C-alpha atoms as a PDB file:
ATOM      1  CA  UNK A   1     -12.148   8.864 -17.618  1.00  0.00           C
ATOM      2  CA  UNK A   2      -8.659   9.550 -16.279  1.00  0.00           C
ATOM      3  CA  UNK A   3      -8.208  10.875 -12.742  1.00  0.00           C
ATOM      4  CA  UNK A   4      -5.080  12.813 -11.715  1.00  0.00           C
ATOM      5  CA  UNK A   5      -3.969  14.552  -8.510  1.00  0.00           C
ATOM      6  CA  UNK A   6      -1.134  16.997  -9.047  1.00  0.00           C
ATOM      7  CA  UNK A   7       0.273  19.681  -6.793  1.00  0.00           C
ATOM      8  CA  UNK A   8       3.048  22.178  -6.451  1.00  0.00           C
ATOM      9  CA  UNK A   9       3.149  23.101  -2.752  1.00  0.00           C
ATOM     10  CA  UNK A  10      -0.612  23.672  -2.833  1.00  0.00           C
ATOM     11  CA  UNK A  11      -0.612  25.709  -6.056  1.00  0.00           C
ATOM     12  CA  UNK A  12      -2.215  24.471  -9.314  1.00  0.00           C
ATOM     13  CA  UNK A  13       0.008  22.398 -11.548  1.00  0.00           C
ATOM     14  CA  UNK A  14      -0.626  21.975 -15.265  1.00  0.00           C
ATOM     15  CA  UNK A  15       0.824  19.236 -17.375  1.00  0.00           C
ATOM     16  CA  UNK A  16      -0.122  17.848 -20.776  1.00  0.00           C
ATOM     17  CA  UNK A  17      -0.759  14.220 -21.575  1.00  0.00           C
ATOM     18  CA  UNK A  18      -0.507  12.682 -25.013  1.00  0.00           C
ATOM     19  CA  UNK A  19      -2.915   9.918 -25.988  1.00  0.00           C
ATOM     20  CA  UNK A  20      -0.649   7.878 -28.266  1.00  0.00           C
ATOM     21  CA  UNK A  21      -3.489   5.876 -29.820  1.00  0.00           C
ATOM     22  CA  UNK A  22      -5.666   8.800 -30.785  1.00  0.00           C
ATOM     23  CA  UNK A  23      -3.151  11.655 -31.221  1.00  0.00           C
ATOM     24  CA  UNK A  24      -4.744  13.914 -28.625  1.00  0.00           C
ATOM     25  CA  UNK A  25      -2.935  16.258 -26.244  1.00  0.00           C
ATOM     26  CA  UNK A  26      -5.000  16.976 -23.141  1.00  0.00           C
ATOM     27  CA  UNK A  27      -4.113  19.571 -20.456  1.00  0.00           C
ATOM     28  CA  UNK A  28      -4.681  18.418 -16.903  1.00  0.00           C
ATOM     29  CA  UNK A  29      -4.734  20.756 -13.928  1.00  0.00           C
ATOM     30  CA  UNK A  30      -4.971  19.846 -10.300  1.00  0.00           C
ATOM     31  CA  UNK A  31      -4.615  21.388  -6.864  1.00  0.00           C
ATOM     32  CA  UNK A  32      -3.989  19.539  -3.651  1.00  0.00           C
ATOM     33  CA  UNK A  33      -6.142  17.907  -2.397  1.00  0.00           C
ATOM     34  CA  UNK A  34      -8.552  18.272  -5.323  1.00  0.00           C
ATOM     35  CA  UNK A  35      -8.826  15.827  -8.201  1.00  0.00           C
ATOM     36  CA  UNK A  36      -8.895  16.912 -11.813  1.00  0.00           C
ATOM     37  CA  UNK A  37     -11.297  14.789 -13.825  1.00  0.00           C
ATOM     38  CA  UNK A  38     -10.788  14.507 -17.550  1.00  0.00           C
ATOM     39  CA  UNK A  39     -13.804  13.152 -19.413  1.00  0.00           C
ATOM     40  CA  UNK A  40     -14.248  11.755 -22.831  1.00  0.00           C
ATOM     41  CA  UNK A  41     -10.949   9.852 -23.016  1.00  0.00           C
ATOM     42  CA  UNK A  42     -11.199   6.570 -25.043  1.00  0.00           C
ATOM     43  CA  UNK A  43     -10.895   3.495 -22.820  1.00  0.00           C
ATOM     44  CA  UNK A  44      -7.908   2.206 -24.779  1.00  0.00           C
ATOM     45  CA  UNK A  45      -5.982   5.465 -24.440  1.00  0.00           C
ATOM     46  CA  UNK A  46      -2.486   5.445 -22.992  1.00  0.00           C
ATOM     47  CA  UNK A  47      -0.608   8.538 -21.952  1.00  0.00           C
ATOM     48  CA  UNK A  48       2.892   9.911 -21.726  1.00  0.00           C
ATOM     49  CA  UNK A  49       3.658  12.935 -19.635  1.00  0.00           C
ATOM     50  CA  UNK A  50       5.036  15.616 -21.913  1.00  0.00           C
ATOM     51  CA  UNK A  51       6.069  18.158 -19.302  1.00  0.00           C
ATOM     52  CA  UNK A  52       5.997  18.469 -15.532  1.00  0.00           C
ATOM     53  CA  UNK A  53       7.036  21.758 -13.925  1.00  0.00           C
ATOM     54  CA  UNK A  54       9.693  20.826 -11.393  1.00  0.00           C
ATOM     55  CA  UNK A  55       9.668  23.955  -9.275  1.00  0.00           C
ATOM     56  CA  UNK A  56       8.449  23.003  -5.797  1.00  0.00           C
ATOM     57  CA  UNK A  57       7.499  19.393  -6.629  1.00  0.00           C
ATOM     58  CA  UNK A  58       9.114  16.719  -4.490  1.00  0.00           C
ATOM     59  CA  UNK A  59      11.502  14.629  -6.616  1.00  0.00           C
ATOM     60  CA  UNK A  60       9.648  11.369  -5.809  1.00  0.00           C
ATOM     61  CA  UNK A  61       6.581  12.615  -7.707  1.00  0.00           C
ATOM     62  CA  UNK A  62       8.672  13.100 -10.829  1.00  0.00           C
ATOM     63  CA  UNK A  63       9.402   9.364 -11.038  1.00  0.00           C
ATOM     64  CA  UNK A  64       7.199   7.273 -13.257  1.00  0.00           C
ATOM     65  CA  UNK A  65       7.657   4.237 -11.013  1.00  0.00           C
ATOM     66  CA  UNK A  66       5.526   5.349  -8.064  1.00  0.00           C
ATOM     67  CA  UNK A  67       4.825   2.064  -6.352  1.00  0.00           C
ATOM     68  CA  UNK A  68       2.490   3.592  -3.815  1.00  0.00           C
ATOM     69  CA  UNK A  69      -0.102   4.214  -6.579  1.00  0.00           C
ATOM     70  CA  UNK A  70       0.674   1.411  -9.004  1.00  0.00           C
ATOM     71  CA  UNK A  71       0.463  -1.311  -6.275  1.00  0.00           C
ATOM     72  CA  UNK A  72      -2.994  -0.391  -5.030  1.00  0.00           C
ATOM     73  CA  UNK A  73      -4.024   0.278  -8.624  1.00  0.00           C
ATOM     74  CA  UNK A  74      -3.110  -3.311  -9.436  1.00  0.00           C
ATOM     75  CA  UNK A  75      -5.108  -4.522  -6.467  1.00  0.00           C
ATOM     76  CA  UNK A  76      -8.167  -2.454  -7.335  1.00  0.00           C
ATOM     77  CA  UNK A  77      -8.124  -3.651 -10.946  1.00  0.00           C
ATOM     78  CA  UNK A  78      -8.000  -7.278  -9.760  1.00  0.00           C
ATOM     79  CA  UNK A  79     -10.918  -6.755  -7.366  1.00  0.00           C
ATOM     80  CA  UNK A  80     -12.958  -4.979 -10.066  1.00  0.00           C
ATOM     81  CA  UNK A  81     -12.436  -7.961 -12.325  1.00  0.00           C
ATOM     82  CA  UNK A  82     -13.735 -10.248  -9.596  1.00  0.00           C
ATOM     83  CA  UNK A  83     -16.774  -8.057  -9.108  1.00  0.00           C
ATOM     84  CA  UNK A  84     -17.693  -7.331 -12.729  1.00  0.00           C
ATOM     85  CA  UNK A  85     -15.919 -10.099 -14.702  1.00  0.00           C
ATOM     86  CA  UNK A  86     -14.768  -7.549 -17.258  1.00  0.00           C
ATOM     87  CA  UNK A  87     -11.546  -8.811 -18.911  1.00  0.00           C
ATOM     88  CA  UNK A  88     -10.258  -5.252 -19.298  1.00  0.00           C
ATOM     89  CA  UNK A  89      -9.839  -5.060 -15.529  1.00  0.00           C
ATOM     90  CA  UNK A  90      -7.884  -8.270 -15.451  1.00  0.00           C
ATOM     91  CA  UNK A  91      -5.701  -7.074 -18.327  1.00  0.00           C
ATOM     92  CA  UNK A  92      -5.035  -3.820 -16.433  1.00  0.00           C
ATOM     93  CA  UNK A  93      -4.182  -5.742 -13.242  1.00  0.00           C
ATOM     94  CA  UNK A  94      -1.660  -7.910 -15.105  1.00  0.00           C
ATOM     95  CA  UNK A  95      -0.126  -4.886 -16.827  1.00  0.00           C
ATOM     96  CA  UNK A  96       0.285  -3.067 -13.513  1.00  0.00           C
ATOM     97  CA  UNK A  97       1.766  -6.200 -11.928  1.00  0.00           C
ATOM     98  CA  UNK A  98       4.361  -6.426 -14.680  1.00  0.00           C
ATOM     99  CA  UNK A  99       5.051  -2.731 -14.426  1.00  0.00           C
ATOM    100  CA  UNK A 100       5.708  -2.857 -10.692  1.00  0.00           C
ATOM    101  CA  UNK A 101       7.867  -5.970 -11.008  1.00  0.00           C
ATOM    102  CA  UNK A 102       9.933  -4.438 -13.784  1.00  0.00           C
ATOM    103  CA  UNK A 103      10.258  -0.926 -12.400  1.00  0.00           C
ATOM    104  CA  UNK A 104       9.844  -0.944  -8.590  1.00  0.00           C
ATOM    105  CA  UNK A 105      10.316  -4.482  -7.299  1.00  0.00           C
ATOM    106  CA  UNK A 106      13.658  -5.693  -5.935  1.00  0.00           C
ATOM    107  CA  UNK A 107      14.844  -9.284  -5.862  1.00  0.00           C
ATOM    108  CA  UNK A 108      14.829  -9.348  -2.050  1.00  0.00           C
ATOM    109  CA  UNK A 109      11.091  -8.603  -1.932  1.00  0.00           C
ATOM    110  CA  UNK A 110      11.162  -4.814  -1.514  1.00  0.00           C
ATOM    111  CA  UNK A 111       8.543  -3.036  -3.599  1.00  0.00           C
ATOM    112  CA  UNK A 112      10.023   0.429  -3.222  1.00  0.00           C
ATOM    113  CA  UNK A 113      12.774   2.344  -1.474  1.00  0.00           C
ATOM    114  CA  UNK A 114      12.474   2.826   1.377  1.00  0.00           C
ATOM    115  CA  UNK A 115      10.290  -0.267   1.983  1.00  0.00           C
ATOM    116  CA  UNK A 116       6.994   0.680   3.585  1.00  0.00           C
ATOM    117  CA  UNK A 117       4.283  -1.659   4.931  1.00  0.00           C
ATOM    118  CA  UNK A 118       1.629   0.177   2.912  1.00  0.00           C
ATOM    119  CA  UNK A 119       3.201  -0.754  -0.420  1.00  0.00           C
ATOM    120  CA  UNK A 120       4.411  -4.215   0.708  1.00  0.00           C
ATOM    121  CA  UNK A 121       0.828  -4.923   1.737  1.00  0.00           C
ATOM    122  CA  UNK A 122      -1.017  -3.554  -1.287  1.00  0.00           C
ATOM    123  CA  UNK A 123       1.239  -5.156  -3.849  1.00  0.00           C
ATOM    124  CA  UNK A 124       1.357  -8.430  -1.911  1.00  0.00           C
ATOM    125  CA  UNK A 125      -2.428  -8.571  -1.778  1.00  0.00           C
ATOM    126  CA  UNK A 126      -2.673  -7.670  -5.474  1.00  0.00           C
ATOM    127  CA  UNK A 127      -0.458 -10.702  -6.208  1.00  0.00           C
ATOM    128  CA  UNK A 128      -2.566 -12.894  -3.983  1.00  0.00           C
ATOM    129  CA  UNK A 129      -5.756 -11.830  -5.682  1.00  0.00           C
ATOM    130  CA  UNK A 130      -4.226 -12.416  -9.110  1.00  0.00           C
ATOM    131  CA  UNK A 131      -3.295 -15.956  -7.981  1.00  0.00           C
ATOM    132  CA  UNK A 132      -6.861 -16.694  -6.943  1.00  0.00           C
ATOM    133  CA  UNK A 133      -8.103 -15.407 -10.298  1.00  0.00           C
ATOM    134  CA  UNK A 134      -5.576 -17.105 -12.546  1.00  0.00           C
ATOM    135  CA  UNK A 135      -4.203 -19.974 -10.400  1.00  0.00           C
ATOM    136  CA  UNK A 136      -0.778 -19.029 -11.717  1.00  0.00           C
ATOM    137  CA  UNK A 137       1.771 -19.851  -9.068  1.00  0.00           C
ATOM    138  CA  UNK A 138       4.046 -16.938  -9.940  1.00  0.00           C
ATOM    139  CA  UNK A 139       1.585 -14.564  -8.358  1.00  0.00           C
ATOM    140  CA  UNK A 140       1.342 -16.459  -5.056  1.00  0.00           C
ATOM    141  CA  UNK A 141       5.158 -16.837  -4.984  1.00  0.00           C
ATOM    142  CA  UNK A 142       5.451 -13.044  -5.325  1.00  0.00           C
ATOM    143  CA  UNK A 143       2.742 -12.441  -2.711  1.00  0.00           C
ATOM    144  CA  UNK A 144       4.633 -14.609  -0.187  1.00  0.00           C
ATOM    145  CA  UNK A 145       7.931 -12.867  -0.837  1.00  0.00           C
ATOM    146  CA  UNK A 146       6.523  -9.317  -0.683  1.00  0.00           C
ATOM    147  CA  UNK A 147       4.341  -9.789   2.419  1.00  0.00           C
ATOM    148  CA  UNK A 148       6.999 -11.804   4.214  1.00  0.00           C
ATOM    149  CA  UNK A 149       9.641  -9.174   3.510  1.00  0.00           C
ATOM    150  CA  UNK A 150       7.896  -6.761   5.857  1.00  0.00           C
ATOM    151  CA  UNK A 151       7.720  -9.504   8.537  1.00  0.00           C
ATOM    152  CA  UNK A 152      11.364 -10.473   8.323  1.00  0.00           C
ATOM    153  CA  UNK A 153      13.486  -7.521   7.121  1.00  0.00           C
ATOM    154  CA  UNK A 154      15.162  -5.152   9.598  1.00  0.00           C
ATOM    155  CA  UNK A 155      14.244  -2.405   7.140  1.00  0.00           C
ATOM    156  CA  UNK A 156      10.617  -2.797   8.289  1.00  0.00           C
ATOM    157  CA  UNK A 157      11.153  -3.935  11.861  1.00  0.00           C
ATOM    158  CA  UNK A 158      12.500  -2.682  15.158  1.00  0.00           C
ATOM    159  CA  UNK A 159      13.319  -5.420  17.623  1.00  0.00           C
ATOM    160  CA  UNK A 160      11.205  -7.835  15.657  1.00  0.00           C
ATOM    161  CA  UNK A 161       8.142  -5.579  15.738  1.00  0.00           C
ATOM    162  CA  UNK A 162       6.836  -3.479  12.840  1.00  0.00           C
ATOM    163  CA  UNK A 163       8.661  -0.190  13.055  1.00  0.00           C
ATOM    164  CA  UNK A 164       7.454   3.379  13.467  1.00  0.00           C
ATOM    165  CA  UNK A 165       7.066   4.626   9.891  1.00  0.00           C
ATOM    166  CA  UNK A 166       6.388   8.270  10.812  1.00  0.00           C
ATOM    167  CA  UNK A 167       4.001  10.415  12.805  1.00  0.00           C
ATOM    168  CA  UNK A 168       2.015  12.059  10.022  1.00  0.00           C
ATOM    169  CA  UNK A 169      -1.537  10.893   9.483  1.00  0.00           C
ATOM    170  CA  UNK A 170      -0.734   8.967   6.313  1.00  0.00           C
ATOM    171  CA  UNK A 171       2.493   7.414   7.611  1.00  0.00           C
ATOM    172  CA  UNK A 172       0.891   6.331  10.863  1.00  0.00           C
ATOM    173  CA  UNK A 173      -1.833   4.309   9.116  1.00  0.00           C
ATOM    174  CA  UNK A 174       0.540   2.362   6.850  1.00  0.00           C
ATOM    175  CA  UNK A 175       0.540  -0.659   9.182  1.00  0.00           C
ATOM    176  CA  UNK A 176      -3.293  -0.658   9.190  1.00  0.00           C
ATOM    177  CA  UNK A 177      -3.123  -1.361   5.434  1.00  0.00           C
ATOM    178  CA  UNK A 178      -0.502  -4.114   5.696  1.00  0.00           C
ATOM    179  CA  UNK A 179      -2.072  -6.056   8.577  1.00  0.00           C
ATOM    180  CA  UNK A 180      -5.280  -7.317   6.946  1.00  0.00           C
ATOM    181  CA  UNK A 181      -3.365  -8.384   3.784  1.00  0.00           C
ATOM    182  CA  UNK A 182      -0.808 -10.242   5.908  1.00  0.00           C
ATOM    183  CA  UNK A 183      -3.712 -11.949   7.688  1.00  0.00           C
ATOM    184  CA  UNK A 184      -5.256 -12.905   4.287  1.00  0.00           C
ATOM    185  CA  UNK A 185      -2.008 -14.559   3.222  1.00  0.00           C
ATOM    186  CA  UNK A 186      -1.524 -16.228   6.595  1.00  0.00           C
ATOM    187  CA  UNK A 187      -4.992 -17.731   6.332  1.00  0.00           C
ATOM    188  CA  UNK A 188      -4.364 -18.934   2.777  1.00  0.00           C
ATOM    189  CA  UNK A 189      -1.052 -20.470   3.792  1.00  0.00           C
ATOM    190  CA  UNK A 190      -1.811 -21.517   7.368  1.00  0.00           C
ATOM    191  CA  UNK A 191      -0.163 -24.928   6.986  1.00  0.00           C
ATOM    192  CA  UNK A 192       2.975 -23.662   5.229  1.00  0.00           C
ATOM    193  CA  UNK A 193       6.135 -22.358   6.883  1.00  0.00           C
ATOM    194  CA  UNK A 194       5.431 -18.797   5.739  1.00  0.00           C
ATOM    195  CA  UNK A 195       1.854 -18.932   6.941  1.00  0.00           C
ATOM    196  CA  UNK A 196       2.939 -20.210  10.332  1.00  0.00           C
ATOM    197  CA  UNK A 197       5.650 -17.560  10.592  1.00  0.00           C
ATOM    198  CA  UNK A 198       3.147 -14.788   9.718  1.00  0.00           C
ATOM    199  CA  UNK A 199       0.719 -15.989  12.359  1.00  0.00           C
ATOM    200  CA  UNK A 200       3.428 -16.074  15.000  1.00  0.00           C
ATOM    201  CA  UNK A 201       4.750 -12.692  13.867  1.00  0.00           C
ATOM    202  CA  UNK A 202       1.345 -11.022  14.002  1.00  0.00           C
ATOM    203  CA  UNK A 203       0.588 -12.523  17.413  1.00  0.00           C
ATOM    204  CA  UNK A 204       3.913 -11.299  18.756  1.00  0.00           C
ATOM    205  CA  UNK A 205       3.142  -7.802  17.519  1.00  0.00           C
ATOM    206  CA  UNK A 206      -0.301  -7.928  19.116  1.00  0.00           C
ATOM    207  CA  UNK A 207       1.072  -9.148  22.454  1.00  0.00           C
ATOM    208  CA  UNK A 208       3.718  -6.435  22.379  1.00  0.00           C
ATOM    209  CA  UNK A 209       1.041  -3.826  21.769  1.00  0.00           C
ATOM    210  CA  UNK A 210      -1.175  -5.264  24.539  1.00  0.00           C
ATOM    211  CA  UNK A 211       1.695  -5.055  27.019  1.00  0.00           C
ATOM    212  CA  UNK A 212       2.308  -1.424  26.080  1.00  0.00           C
ATOM    213  CA  UNK A 213      -1.221  -0.152  26.487  1.00  0.00           C
ATOM    214  CA  UNK A 214      -1.935   1.688  29.718  1.00  0.00           C
ATOM    215  CA  UNK A 215      -4.784  -0.433  30.992  1.00  0.00           C
ATOM    216  CA  UNK A 216      -5.064   1.662  34.129  1.00  0.00           C
ATOM    217  CA  UNK A 217      -6.077   4.629  31.941  1.00  0.00           C
ATOM    218  CA  UNK A 218      -8.983   2.752  30.302  1.00  0.00           C
ATOM    219  CA  UNK A 219     -10.716   3.800  28.068  1.00  0.00           C
ATOM    220  CA  UNK A 220      -7.846   6.196  27.134  1.00  0.00           C
ATOM    221  CA  UNK A 221      -5.595   3.318  26.054  1.00  0.00           C
ATOM    222  CA  UNK A 222      -3.755   4.881  23.135  1.00  0.00           C
ATOM    223  CA  UNK A 223      -1.368   3.082  20.747  1.00  0.00           C
ATOM    224  CA  UNK A 224       2.051   4.465  20.093  1.00  0.00           C
ATOM    225  CA  UNK A 225       3.615   4.720  16.655  1.00  0.00           C
ATOM    226  CA  UNK A 226       5.858   1.801  17.566  1.00  0.00           C
ATOM    227  CA  UNK A 227       4.094  -0.893  19.576  1.00  0.00           C
ATOM    228  CA  UNK A 228       7.180  -1.667  21.634  1.00  0.00           C
ATOM    229  CA  UNK A 229       6.757   1.519  23.681  1.00  0.00           C
ATOM    230  CA  UNK A 230       3.829   2.880  25.713  1.00  0.00           C
ATOM    231  CA  UNK A 231       2.204   6.073  24.542  1.00  0.00           C
ATOM    232  CA  UNK A 232       3.200   9.003  26.738  1.00  0.00           C
ATOM    233  CA  UNK A 233       0.185  10.753  28.249  1.00  0.00           C
ATOM    234  CA  UNK A 234       1.989  14.093  27.946  1.00  0.00           C
ATOM    235  CA  UNK A 235       1.899  13.800  24.131  1.00  0.00           C
ATOM    236  CA  UNK A 236      -1.085  14.139  21.751  1.00  0.00           C
ATOM    237  CA  UNK A 237      -2.623  10.805  20.845  1.00  0.00           C
ATOM    238  CA  UNK A 238      -2.501   9.883  17.163  1.00  0.00           C
ATOM    239  CA  UNK A 239      -5.640   8.758  15.386  1.00  0.00           C
ATOM    240  CA  UNK A 240      -3.403   7.116  12.739  1.00  0.00           C
ATOM    241  CA  UNK A 241      -1.467   5.132  15.311  1.00  0.00           C
ATOM    242  CA  UNK A 242      -4.760   4.092  16.930  1.00  0.00           C
ATOM    243  CA  UNK A 243      -6.103   2.900  13.557  1.00  0.00           C
ATOM    244  CA  UNK A 244      -3.011   0.752  13.016  1.00  0.00           C
ATOM    245  CA  UNK A 245      -3.312  -0.761  16.499  1.00  0.00           C
ATOM    246  CA  UNK A 246      -7.016  -1.488  15.973  1.00  0.00           C
ATOM    247  CA  UNK A 247      -6.247  -3.088  12.639  1.00  0.00           C
ATOM    248  CA  UNK A 248      -3.734  -5.401  14.346  1.00  0.00           C
ATOM    249  CA  UNK A 249      -6.280  -6.470  17.004  1.00  0.00           C
ATOM    250  CA  UNK A 250      -8.968  -7.081  14.425  1.00  0.00           C
ATOM    251  CA  UNK A 251      -6.498  -9.113  12.366  1.00  0.00           C
ATOM    252  CA  UNK A 252      -5.648 -11.303  15.373  1.00  0.00           C
ATOM    253  CA  UNK A 253      -9.356 -11.942  15.959  1.00  0.00           C
ATOM    254  CA  UNK A 254      -9.593 -13.143  12.360  1.00  0.00           C
ATOM    255  CA  UNK A 255      -6.759 -15.617  12.987  1.00  0.00           C
ATOM    256  CA  UNK A 256      -8.502 -17.189  16.005  1.00  0.00           C
END
């Protein structure tokens, strides 16, 4: 079964996919936020997109190198292998790893442009999981570089603290995805320089957030999009920003 989500400013989008192994052309239609489910596809099928209507579709969705889906896809495949011990899942995880490295990854550790904590976290964790499965050091080396990029690059930071990545619901939860994966790597590498740096970095973020919570307003202590500033009571509170802040505090508890 192949699952696809396609949209054109909320209107249905139809594309055709060609199964190169079996010579089938299958139409797929989707509408945001629905998923089109195509059944009866052989498990060894691979597809190429024959045609995508460009009218109204954001240019980023026309790129075949969408790291925000391939990175978590790699992670899910690795975890499915650990759960079911089906070699097909491990093969898929390795293929997705190679695809991201060859098409999205940059030598400095960025997984996409612009670098986002969501993608740095999911790909970094995928690499970490692959290391624990295979014991191949290349995966852990990549995990360290990718996770640490978000903790060291000014592209991801503001005054040394993870930056505000946007106020929409999806953007505001990006940090909540990165934090637990950064904690996982920090715990794996607690005695190494990268592990120690990540622990210090995460604690500095948490202390900055703690100092910028309005304790006098308890229990209405809302997190801002950037933890270096206090949330203004005159503005609507963000559930996404709150989730990211809660993820950070939970992550610090795991480090203790």
